[in-house]
C-alpha atoms as a PDB file:
ATOM      1  CA  MET A   1     -17.216  88.316  10.957  1.00  0.00           C
ATOM      2  CA  GLY A   2     -20.225  90.044  12.503  1.00  0.00           C
ATOM      3  CA  ARG A   3     -21.611  93.537  12.005  1.00  0.00           C
ATOM      4  CA  ILE A   4     -19.197  95.092  14.534  1.00  0.00           C
ATOM      5  CA  GLY A   5     -16.129  93.598  12.880  1.00  0.00           C
ATOM      6  CA  GLU A   6     -17.411  94.529   9.429  1.00  0.00           C
ATOM      7  CA  LYS A   7     -17.995  98.116  10.542  1.00  0.00           C
ATOM      8  CA  PHE A   8     -14.472  98.542  11.909  1.00  0.00           C
ATOM      9  CA  LYS A   9     -13.063  96.914   8.751  1.00  0.00           C
ATOM     10  CA  GLU A  10     -15.076  99.254   6.546  1.00  0.00           C
ATOM     11  CA  LEU A  11     -14.024 102.315   8.545  1.00  0.00           C
ATOM     12  CA  GLY A  12     -10.391 101.214   8.580  1.00  0.00           C
ATOM     13  CA  GLU A  13     -10.359 100.924   4.802  1.00  0.00           C
ATOM     14  CA  ARG A  14     -11.593 104.536   4.647  1.00  0.00           C
ATOM     15  CA  ARG A  15      -9.130 105.586   7.360  1.00  0.00           C
ATOM     16  CA  GLU A  16     -12.042 106.708   9.549  1.00  0.00           C
ATOM     17  CA  LYS A  17     -12.656 106.339  13.267  1.00  0.00           C
ATOM     18  CA  ALA A  18     -15.813 104.803  14.726  1.00  0.00           C
ATOM     19  CA  LEU A  19     -18.371 106.985  16.443  1.00  0.00           C
ATOM     20  CA  ILE A  20     -20.037 104.839  19.098  1.00  0.00           C
ATOM     21  CA  THR A  21     -23.075 106.415  20.723  1.00  0.00           C
ATOM     22  CA  PHE A  22     -24.657 105.332  24.005  1.00  0.00           C
ATOM     23  CA  VAL A  23     -28.312 105.879  24.883  1.00  0.00           C
ATOM     24  CA  SER A  24     -30.429 104.475  27.692  1.00  0.00           C
ATOM     25  CA  ALA A  25     -33.082 102.174  26.258  1.00  0.00           C
ATOM     26  CA  GLY A  26     -36.534 103.280  27.372  1.00  0.00           C
ATOM     27  CA  ASP A  27     -35.693 106.929  28.058  1.00  0.00           C
ATOM     28  CA  PRO A  28     -37.760 109.037  27.649  1.00  0.00           C
ATOM     29  CA  ASP A  29     -40.053 106.074  26.972  1.00  0.00           C
ATOM     30  CA  PRO A  30     -39.726 102.636  25.354  1.00  0.00           C
ATOM     31  CA  GLY A  31     -41.616 103.734  22.258  1.00  0.00           C
ATOM     32  CA  LYS A  32     -39.098 106.432  21.350  1.00  0.00           C
ATOM     33  CA  THR A  33     -35.944 104.313  21.570  1.00  0.00           C
ATOM     34  CA  GLU A  34     -36.339 102.814  18.102  1.00  0.00           C
ATOM     35  CA  GLU A  35     -36.644 106.258  16.516  1.00  0.00           C
ATOM     36  CA  ILE A  36     -33.670 107.540  18.511  1.00  0.00           C
ATOM     37  CA  VAL A  37     -31.482 104.668  17.277  1.00  0.00           C
ATOM     38  CA  LEU A  38     -32.494 105.343  13.673  1.00  0.00           C
ATOM     39  CA  ALA A  39     -31.856 109.067  14.125  1.00  0.00           C
ATOM     40  CA  LEU A  40     -28.392 108.302  15.497  1.00  0.00           C
ATOM     41  CA  GLU A  41     -27.595 106.158  12.472  1.00  0.00           C
ATOM     42  CA  HIS A  42     -28.843 108.752   9.997  1.00  0.00           C
ATOM     43  CA  ALA A  43     -26.798 111.439  11.762  1.00  0.00           C
ATOM     44  CA  GLY A  44     -23.568 109.466  11.381  1.00  0.00           C
ATOM     45  CA  ALA A  45     -23.242 107.076  14.337  1.00  0.00           C
ATOM     46  CA  ASP A  46     -21.401 103.885  13.403  1.00  0.00           C
ATOM     47  CA  ILE A  47     -22.341 101.695  16.392  1.00  0.00           C
ATOM     48  CA  VAL A  48     -25.062 102.136  19.010  1.00  0.00           C
ATOM     49  CA  GLU A  49     -24.761 101.029  22.614  1.00  0.00           C
ATOM     50  CA  LEU A  50     -28.166 100.490  24.198  1.00  0.00           C
ATOM     51  CA  GLY A  51     -28.021 100.813  27.952  1.00  0.00           C
ATOM     52  CA  VAL A  52     -30.155  98.234  29.755  1.00  0.00           C
ATOM     53  CA  PRO A  53     -31.579 100.121  32.761  1.00  0.00           C
ATOM     54  CA  PHE A  54     -30.642  98.903  36.215  1.00  0.00           C
ATOM     55  CA  SER A  55     -31.456 100.356  39.619  1.00  0.00           C
ATOM     56  CA  ASP A  56     -27.908 100.114  40.972  1.00  0.00           C
ATOM     57  CA  ALA A  57     -25.844 101.476  38.079  1.00  0.00           C
ATOM     58  CA  THR A  58     -22.690 102.074  40.112  1.00  0.00           C
ATOM     59  CA  ALA A  59     -20.345 102.688  37.151  1.00  0.00           C
ATOM     60  CA  ASP A  60     -22.539 105.431  35.738  1.00  0.00           C
ATOM     61  CA  GLY A  61     -22.548 109.124  36.516  1.00  0.00           C
ATOM     62  CA  PRO A  62     -25.584 111.240  37.444  1.00  0.00           C
ATOM     63  CA  ALA A  63     -26.859 111.735  33.880  1.00  0.00           C
ATOM     64  CA  ILE A  64     -27.022 108.039  33.010  1.00  0.00           C
ATOM     65  CA  GLN A  65     -28.229 107.014  36.473  1.00  0.00           C
ATOM     66  CA  ALA A  66     -31.126 109.472  36.156  1.00  0.00           C
ATOM     67  CA  SER A  67     -31.822 108.246  32.630  1.00  0.00           C
ATOM     68  CA  SER A  68     -31.832 104.633  33.799  1.00  0.00           C
ATOM     69  CA  ALA A  69     -34.249 105.512  36.610  1.00  0.00           C
ATOM     70  CA  ARG A  70     -36.612 107.218  34.146  1.00  0.00           C
ATOM     71  CA  ALA A  71     -36.496 104.177  31.866  1.00  0.00           C
ATOM     72  CA  LEU A  72     -37.323 101.836  34.745  1.00  0.00           C
ATOM     73  CA  ARG A  73     -40.254 104.033  35.785  1.00  0.00           C
ATOM     74  CA  ALA A  74     -41.478 103.871  32.193  1.00  0.00           C
ATOM     75  CA  GLY A  75     -41.551 100.066  32.446  1.00  0.00           C
ATOM     76  CA  THR A  76     -38.385  99.238  30.520  1.00  0.00           C
ATOM     77  CA  SER A  77     -36.979  95.748  31.077  1.00  0.00           C
ATOM     78  CA  LEU A  78     -34.395  93.547  29.423  1.00  0.00           C
ATOM     79  CA  ARG A  79     -37.234  91.828  27.577  1.00  0.00           C
ATOM     80  CA  SER A  80     -38.537  95.144  26.221  1.00  0.00           C
ATOM     81  CA  VAL A  81     -35.025  96.222  25.188  1.00  0.00           C
ATOM     82  CA  LEU A  82     -34.669  93.038  23.130  1.00  0.00           C
ATOM     83  CA  ALA A  83     -38.073  93.733  21.575  1.00  0.00           C
ATOM     84  CA  THR A  84     -36.847  97.201  20.610  1.00  0.00           C
ATOM     85  CA  VAL A  85     -33.739  95.747  18.957  1.00  0.00           C
ATOM     86  CA  LYS A  86     -35.949  93.377  16.988  1.00  0.00           C
ATOM     87  CA  GLU A  87     -37.987  96.345  15.710  1.00  0.00           C
ATOM     88  CA  VAL A  88     -34.852  98.298  14.798  1.00  0.00           C
ATOM     89  CA  ARG A  89     -33.620  95.316  12.802  1.00  0.00           C
ATOM     90  CA  LYS A  90     -36.627  95.628  10.480  1.00  0.00           C
ATOM     91  CA  ARG A  91     -35.251  98.998   9.347  1.00  0.00           C
ATOM     92  CA  SER A  92     -31.524  99.041  10.046  1.00  0.00           C
ATOM     93  CA  GLU A  93     -28.338  96.976  10.071  1.00  0.00           C
ATOM     94  CA  ILE A  94     -26.405  99.305  12.397  1.00  0.00           C
ATOM     95  CA  PRO A  95     -24.312  97.315  14.908  1.00  0.00           C
ATOM     96  CA  ILE A  96     -25.999  97.262  18.325  1.00  0.00           C
ATOM     97  CA  VAL A  97     -24.300  96.537  21.643  1.00  0.00           C
ATOM     98  CA  LEU A  98     -26.221  95.916  24.863  1.00  0.00           C
ATOM     99  CA  PHE A  99     -24.446  97.766  27.669  1.00  0.00           C
ATOM    100  CA  GLY A 100     -25.361  97.018  31.245  1.00  0.00           C
ATOM    101  CA  TYR A 101     -24.978  95.094  34.475  1.00  0.00           C
ATOM    102  CA  TYR A 102     -25.049  91.389  35.163  1.00  0.00           C
ATOM    103  CA  ASN A 103     -28.023  91.288  37.538  1.00  0.00           C
ATOM    104  CA  PRO A 104     -30.720  91.652  34.826  1.00  0.00           C
ATOM    105  CA  ILE A 105     -28.928  89.052  32.686  1.00  0.00           C
ATOM    106  CA  HIS A 106     -28.685  86.638  35.620  1.00  0.00           C
ATOM    107  CA  ALA A 107     -32.389  87.108  36.388  1.00  0.00           C
ATOM    108  CA  TYR A 108     -33.272  86.544  32.732  1.00  0.00           C
ATOM    109  CA  GLY A 109     -31.023  83.486  32.500  1.00  0.00           C
ATOM    110  CA  PRO A 110     -27.656  83.614  30.671  1.00  0.00           C
ATOM    111  CA  THR A 111     -28.519  80.881  28.160  1.00  0.00           C
ATOM    112  CA  ARG A 112     -31.886  82.407  27.341  1.00  0.00           C
ATOM    113  CA  PHE A 113     -30.360  85.884  27.242  1.00  0.00           C
ATOM    114  CA  ALA A 114     -27.774  84.871  24.651  1.00  0.00           C
ATOM    115  CA  ARG A 115     -30.335  83.031  22.538  1.00  0.00           C
ATOM    116  CA  ASP A 116     -32.931  85.817  22.624  1.00  0.00           C
ATOM    117  CA  SER A 117     -30.298  88.487  21.997  1.00  0.00           C
ATOM    118  CA  ALA A 118     -29.142  86.669  18.882  1.00  0.00           C
ATOM    119  CA  LEU A 119     -32.718  86.236  17.675  1.00  0.00           C
ATOM    120  CA  ALA A 120     -33.394  89.947  18.221  1.00  0.00           C
ATOM    121  CA  GLY A 121     -30.308  91.000  16.279  1.00  0.00           C
ATOM    122  CA  VAL A 122     -27.923  92.073  19.045  1.00  0.00           C
ATOM    123  CA  ASP A 123     -24.298  92.170  17.896  1.00  0.00           C
ATOM    124  CA  GLY A 124     -22.378  92.639  21.128  1.00  0.00           C
ATOM    125  CA  VAL A 125     -22.667  92.591  24.905  1.00  0.00           C
ATOM    126  CA  LEU A 126     -20.727  94.687  27.386  1.00  0.00           C
ATOM    127  CA  VAL A 127     -21.238  93.866  31.077  1.00  0.00           C
ATOM    128  CA  VAL A 128     -19.582  96.504  33.226  1.00  0.00           C
ATOM    129  CA  ASP A 129     -19.655  94.732  36.594  1.00  0.00           C
ATOM    130  CA  LEU A 130     -18.687  91.196  35.550  1.00  0.00           C
ATOM    131  CA  PRO A 131     -15.014  90.466  36.294  1.00  0.00           C
ATOM    132  CA  PHE A 132     -13.070  88.563  33.661  1.00  0.00           C
ATOM    133  CA  GLU A 133     -12.723  85.482  35.882  1.00  0.00           C
ATOM    134  CA  GLU A 134     -16.500  85.312  36.346  1.00  0.00           C
ATOM    135  CA  SER A 135     -17.456  85.969  32.729  1.00  0.00           C
ATOM    136  CA  ARG A 136     -16.558  82.598  31.239  1.00  0.00           C
ATOM    137  CA  GLU A 137     -20.025  81.069  31.547  1.00  0.00           C
ATOM    138  CA  LEU A 138     -21.762  84.005  29.886  1.00  0.00           C
ATOM    139  CA  ARG A 139     -19.061  84.206  27.213  1.00  0.00           C
ATOM    140  CA  ARG A 140     -19.599  80.549  26.416  1.00  0.00           C
ATOM    141  CA  PHE A 141     -23.240  81.262  25.625  1.00  0.00           C
ATOM    142  CA  THR A 142     -22.660  84.509  23.720  1.00  0.00           C
ATOM    143  CA  ASP A 143     -19.842  82.944  21.698  1.00  0.00           C
ATOM    144  CA  SER A 144     -22.075  80.045  20.692  1.00  0.00           C
ATOM    145  CA  GLU A 145     -24.697  82.520  19.450  1.00  0.00           C
ATOM    146  CA  GLY A 146     -22.203  84.634  17.508  1.00  0.00           C
ATOM    147  CA  ILE A 147     -22.489  87.635  19.839  1.00  0.00           C
ATOM    148  CA  ASP A 148     -19.334  89.624  20.553  1.00  0.00           C
ATOM    149  CA  PHE A 149     -18.423  89.748  24.243  1.00  0.00           C
ATOM    150  CA  ILE A 150     -16.742  93.142  24.471  1.00  0.00           C
ATOM    151  CA  PRO A 151     -13.986  93.516  27.069  1.00  0.00           C
ATOM    152  CA  LEU A 152     -13.492  96.542  29.309  1.00  0.00           C
ATOM    153  CA  VAL A 153     -10.028  97.773  30.218  1.00  0.00           C
ATOM    154  CA  ALA A 154      -9.450 100.417  32.890  1.00  0.00           C
ATOM    155  CA  PRO A 155      -6.484 102.788  33.311  1.00  0.00           C
ATOM    156  CA  THR A 156      -5.430 100.672  36.291  1.00  0.00           C
ATOM    157  CA  THR A 157      -5.362  97.402  34.319  1.00  0.00           C
ATOM    158  CA  GLY A 158      -1.795  96.157  33.910  1.00  0.00           C
ATOM    159  CA  VAL A 159      -0.492  95.053  30.525  1.00  0.00           C
ATOM    160  CA  GLU A 160      -0.228  91.377  31.512  1.00  0.00           C
ATOM    161  CA  ARG A 161      -3.787  91.255  32.802  1.00  0.00           C
ATOM    162  CA  ALA A 162      -5.041  93.213  29.792  1.00  0.00           C
ATOM    163  CA  GLY A 163      -3.536  90.554  27.553  1.00  0.00           C
ATOM    164  CA  LYS A 164      -5.474  87.840  29.394  1.00  0.00           C
ATOM    165  CA  VAL A 165      -8.731  89.801  29.292  1.00  0.00           C
ATOM    166  CA  LEU A 166      -8.445  90.685  25.616  1.00  0.00           C
ATOM    167  CA  ARG A 167      -7.483  87.180  24.522  1.00  0.00           C
ATOM    168  CA  ASP A 168     -11.103  86.081  24.810  1.00  0.00           C
ATOM    169  CA  GLY A 169     -12.663  89.401  23.808  1.00  0.00           C
ATOM    170  CA  ARG A 170     -14.461  90.038  20.546  1.00  0.00           C
ATOM    171  CA  GLY A 171     -15.708  93.047  18.616  1.00  0.00           C
ATOM    172  CA  PHE A 172     -13.604  95.816  20.119  1.00  0.00           C
ATOM    173  CA  VAL A 173     -11.914  96.865  23.341  1.00  0.00           C
ATOM    174  CA  TYR A 174     -13.708  99.475  25.437  1.00  0.00           C
ATOM    175  CA  PHE A 175     -10.907 101.438  27.082  1.00  0.00           C
ATOM    176  CA  ILE A 176     -12.089 103.547  30.025  1.00  0.00           C
ATOM    177  CA  SER A 177     -10.034 106.733  29.790  1.00  0.00           C
ATOM    178  CA  VAL A 178     -10.329 107.654  33.474  1.00  0.00           C
ATOM    179  CA  THR A 179     -10.946 105.876  36.757  1.00  0.00           C
ATOM    180  CA  GLY A 180     -14.392 106.772  38.031  1.00  0.00           C
ATOM    181  CA  ILE A 181     -17.908 107.076  36.684  1.00  0.00           C
ATOM    182  CA  THR A 182     -19.283 107.997  33.281  1.00  0.00           C
ATOM    183  CA  GLY A 183     -19.686 111.608  32.250  1.00  0.00           C
ATOM    184  CA  THR A 184     -16.813 112.925  34.360  1.00  0.00           C
ATOM    185  CA  ALA A 185     -13.383 114.265  33.395  1.00  0.00           C
ATOM    186  CA  LYS A 186     -11.661 112.686  30.406  1.00  0.00           C
ATOM    187  CA  GLY A 187      -8.157 111.281  30.417  1.00  0.00           C
ATOM    188  CA  SER A 188      -5.258 113.170  28.863  1.00  0.00           C
ATOM    189  CA  ALA A 189      -4.496 112.504  25.203  1.00  0.00           C
ATOM    190  CA  ARG A 190      -0.898 111.609  26.043  1.00  0.00           C
ATOM    191  CA  GLU A 191      -1.920 108.989  28.613  1.00  0.00           C
ATOM    192  CA  ILE A 192      -4.549 107.568  26.284  1.00  0.00           C
ATOM    193  CA  GLU A 193      -2.059 107.324  23.422  1.00  0.00           C
ATOM    194  CA  SER A 194       0.350 105.401  25.653  1.00  0.00           C
ATOM    195  CA  ARG A 195      -2.289 102.978  26.941  1.00  0.00           C
ATOM    196  CA  VAL A 196      -3.784 102.337  23.514  1.00  0.00           C
ATOM    197  CA  ARG A 197      -0.306 101.529  22.195  1.00  0.00           C
ATOM    198  CA  GLU A 198       0.091  98.990  25.013  1.00  0.00           C
ATOM    199  CA  LEU A 199      -3.288  97.410  24.242  1.00  0.00           C
ATOM    200  CA  ARG A 200      -2.437  97.127  20.563  1.00  0.00           C
ATOM    201  CA  GLY A 201       0.698  95.303  21.614  1.00  0.00           C
ATOM    202  CA  VAL A 202      -1.326  92.493  23.215  1.00  0.00           C
ATOM    203  CA  SER A 203      -4.441  92.373  21.010  1.00  0.00           C
ATOM    204  CA  ARG A 204      -5.539  93.013  17.434  1.00  0.00           C
ATOM    205  CA  LEU A 205      -8.992  94.144  18.536  1.00  0.00           C
ATOM    206  CA  PRO A 206      -9.932  97.741  17.657  1.00  0.00           C
ATOM    207  CA  VAL A 207      -9.715 100.081  20.658  1.00  0.00           C
ATOM    208  CA  ALA A 208     -12.566 102.470  21.468  1.00  0.00           C
ATOM    209  CA  VAL A 209     -12.083 105.110  24.149  1.00  0.00           C
ATOM    210  CA  GLY A 210     -14.925 106.212  26.412  1.00  0.00           C
ATOM    211  CA  PHE A 211     -15.758 108.201  29.574  1.00  0.00           C
ATOM    212  CA  GLY A 212     -15.587 111.988  29.599  1.00  0.00           C
ATOM    213  CA  ILE A 213     -15.873 112.632  25.837  1.00  0.00           C
ATOM    214  CA  THR A 214     -18.636 115.220  25.602  1.00  0.00           C
ATOM    215  CA  ASN A 215     -18.135 117.384  22.502  1.00  0.00           C
ATOM    216  CA  PRO A 216     -16.462 117.531  19.067  1.00  0.00           C
ATOM    217  CA  ALA A 217     -13.271 119.054  20.503  1.00  0.00           C
ATOM    218  CA  ASP A 218     -12.872 116.107  22.899  1.00  0.00           C
ATOM    219  CA  ALA A 219     -13.546 113.677  20.058  1.00  0.00           C
ATOM    220  CA  ALA A 220     -10.995 115.324  17.762  1.00  0.00           C
ATOM    221  CA  GLU A 221      -8.355 115.259  20.507  1.00  0.00           C
ATOM    222  CA  ILE A 222      -8.767 111.564  21.322  1.00  0.00           C
ATOM    223  CA  ALA A 223      -9.560 110.113  17.881  1.00  0.00           C
ATOM    224  CA  PRO A 224      -6.003 110.112  16.462  1.00  0.00           C
ATOM    225  CA  HIS A 225      -4.945 107.718  19.222  1.00  0.00           C
ATOM    226  CA  ALA A 226      -7.812 105.191  18.978  1.00  0.00           C
ATOM    227  CA  ASP A 227      -9.977 103.273  16.533  1.00  0.00           C
ATOM    228  CA  GLY A 228     -13.158 104.808  17.886  1.00  0.00           C
ATOM    229  CA  ILE A 229     -14.654 106.992  20.583  1.00  0.00           C
ATOM    230  CA  VAL A 230     -17.716 106.482  22.781  1.00  0.00           C
ATOM    231  CA  VAL A 231     -20.065 109.332  23.674  1.00  0.00           C
ATOM    232  CA  GLY A 232     -22.749 108.658  26.264  1.00  0.00           C
ATOM    233  CA  SER A 233     -23.596 111.099  29.049  1.00  0.00           C
ATOM    234  CA  ALA A 234     -23.638 114.179  26.810  1.00  0.00           C
ATOM    235  CA  LEU A 235     -26.035 112.465  24.411  1.00  0.00           C
ATOM    236  CA  VAL A 236     -28.245 111.227  27.238  1.00  0.00           C
ATOM    237  CA  ARG A 237     -28.498 114.804  28.549  1.00  0.00           C
ATOM    238  CA  LEU A 238     -29.325 116.131  25.088  1.00  0.00           C
ATOM    239  CA  ILE A 239     -32.134 113.600  24.656  1.00  0.00           C
ATOM    240  CA  HIS A 240     -33.594 114.499  28.042  1.00  0.00           C
ATOM    241  CA  GLU A 241     -33.421 118.239  27.360  1.00  0.00           C
ATOM    242  CA  ASN A 242     -35.184 117.901  23.996  1.00  0.00           C
ATOM    243  CA  ARG A 243     -37.634 115.121  24.818  1.00  0.00           C
ATOM    244  CA  GLU A 244     -40.782 117.280  24.655  1.00  0.00           C
ATOM    245  CA  ASN A 245     -39.920 120.307  22.533  1.00  0.00           C
ATOM    246  CA  GLY A 246     -40.353 118.722  19.108  1.00  0.00           C
ATOM    247  CA  ARG A 247     -36.687 119.262  18.265  1.00  0.00           C
ATOM    248  CA  LEU A 248     -35.197 115.949  19.407  1.00  0.00           C
ATOM    249  CA  GLY A 249     -34.466 114.654  15.911  1.00  0.00           C
ATOM    250  CA  ALA A 250     -32.826 117.911  14.855  1.00  0.00           C
ATOM    251  CA  ALA A 251     -30.791 118.067  18.066  1.00  0.00           C
ATOM    252  CA  ILE A 252     -29.483 114.523  17.529  1.00  0.00           C
ATOM    253  CA  THR A 253     -28.661 115.272  13.889  1.00  0.00           C
ATOM    254  CA  THR A 254     -26.647 118.366  14.785  1.00  0.00           C
ATOM    255  CA  PHE A 255     -24.823 116.900  17.787  1.00  0.00           C
ATOM    256  CA  VAL A 256     -23.934 113.547  16.252  1.00  0.00           C
ATOM    257  CA  GLY A 257     -23.145 115.114  12.891  1.00  0.00           C
ATOM    258  CA  ASP A 258     -20.671 117.497  14.521  1.00  0.00           C
ATOM    259  CA  LEU A 259     -19.038 114.615  16.402  1.00  0.00           C
ATOM    260  CA  LYS A 260     -18.649 112.598  13.202  1.00  0.00           C
ATOM    261  CA  LYS A 261     -17.127 115.568  11.385  1.00  0.00           C
ATOM    262  CA  ALA A 262     -14.609 115.944  14.210  1.00  0.00           C
ATOM    263  CA  LEU A 263     -13.511 112.344  13.653  1.00  0.00           C
ATOM    264  CA  THR A 264     -12.966 112.778   9.920  1.00  0.00           C
ATOM    265  CA  LEU A 265     -10.963 116.021   9.886  1.00  0.00           C
END
C-alpha cells in the first residue's frame, strides 16, 4: 500500500475525512511551490494535488486557467514540477498527486514520465482528459512503478460504466460533483450522497468529492457523504491574492486549518 492508501487507512481509523488541496505548480513562481506544499501540510492538508500547467486547460475554471497561465509564463514545465516533488520529498512524506492533462505527459513520454515520477516521489496521477478506454497504456506504466492511477467519475457516468472505470483505479475515486468546470457551483448534498452510495456499491476505493467546494461550510455539508473533499479554485485564488503581501503562509494556515476543522466536527 502506498502513501495515499496509508493516509486514507489512517484517517478511517480515526473516523476522519481527507482534506485534499489543489495548487498549480509554479504559481506564483516555481521556487515558491515547495514552501506552499509544506505550508499546506502543516496547516492540516492530508493530500496535495499539484496541477501541471497546460495552455489548454479546458476542464478548469477561470481561477485555475489563470494560475496555469502564470505558471507557464514563469517557466514551469512537467520536468520542473517533478523536480519540485523531489525537493518536497526531502522534507515531507505527504501524499502527492499530479493533476493535469495528457498532452504534457505524451510529449514527455509515458514510460519516462512514470519512471521519473516514481523517482521523484509522486504517489498518484490524475489525467482529466484521458478517457478510460485510452488510458490503458499509461496505466500499465504507472502500475509498474507503483503510482496510483486515480479515476475520475462525473455526475453523468452511469453505474455500469463507473464499475468498469473503477475496477482498474487505484488510490481513490475523484467524484466530480457537478458537470462543468472547476470553481463553479457545487452539487447538492442529497445528489452527492446518492452517487457516492452507488460508487461504493461497485468499488472499495475511497471517494473524494471535488468541484465547487470553496469554504468550510461547503466542506462540512459534503464531508458526511464522502471519504474526502477536494478544494482547488478557492485556494488558488487565495495564493494569488496573498502572493506579495508577506502573509501567504498565514493565509494558508487559516484557510486550510478552518477547512480541516470543518471536516472533524
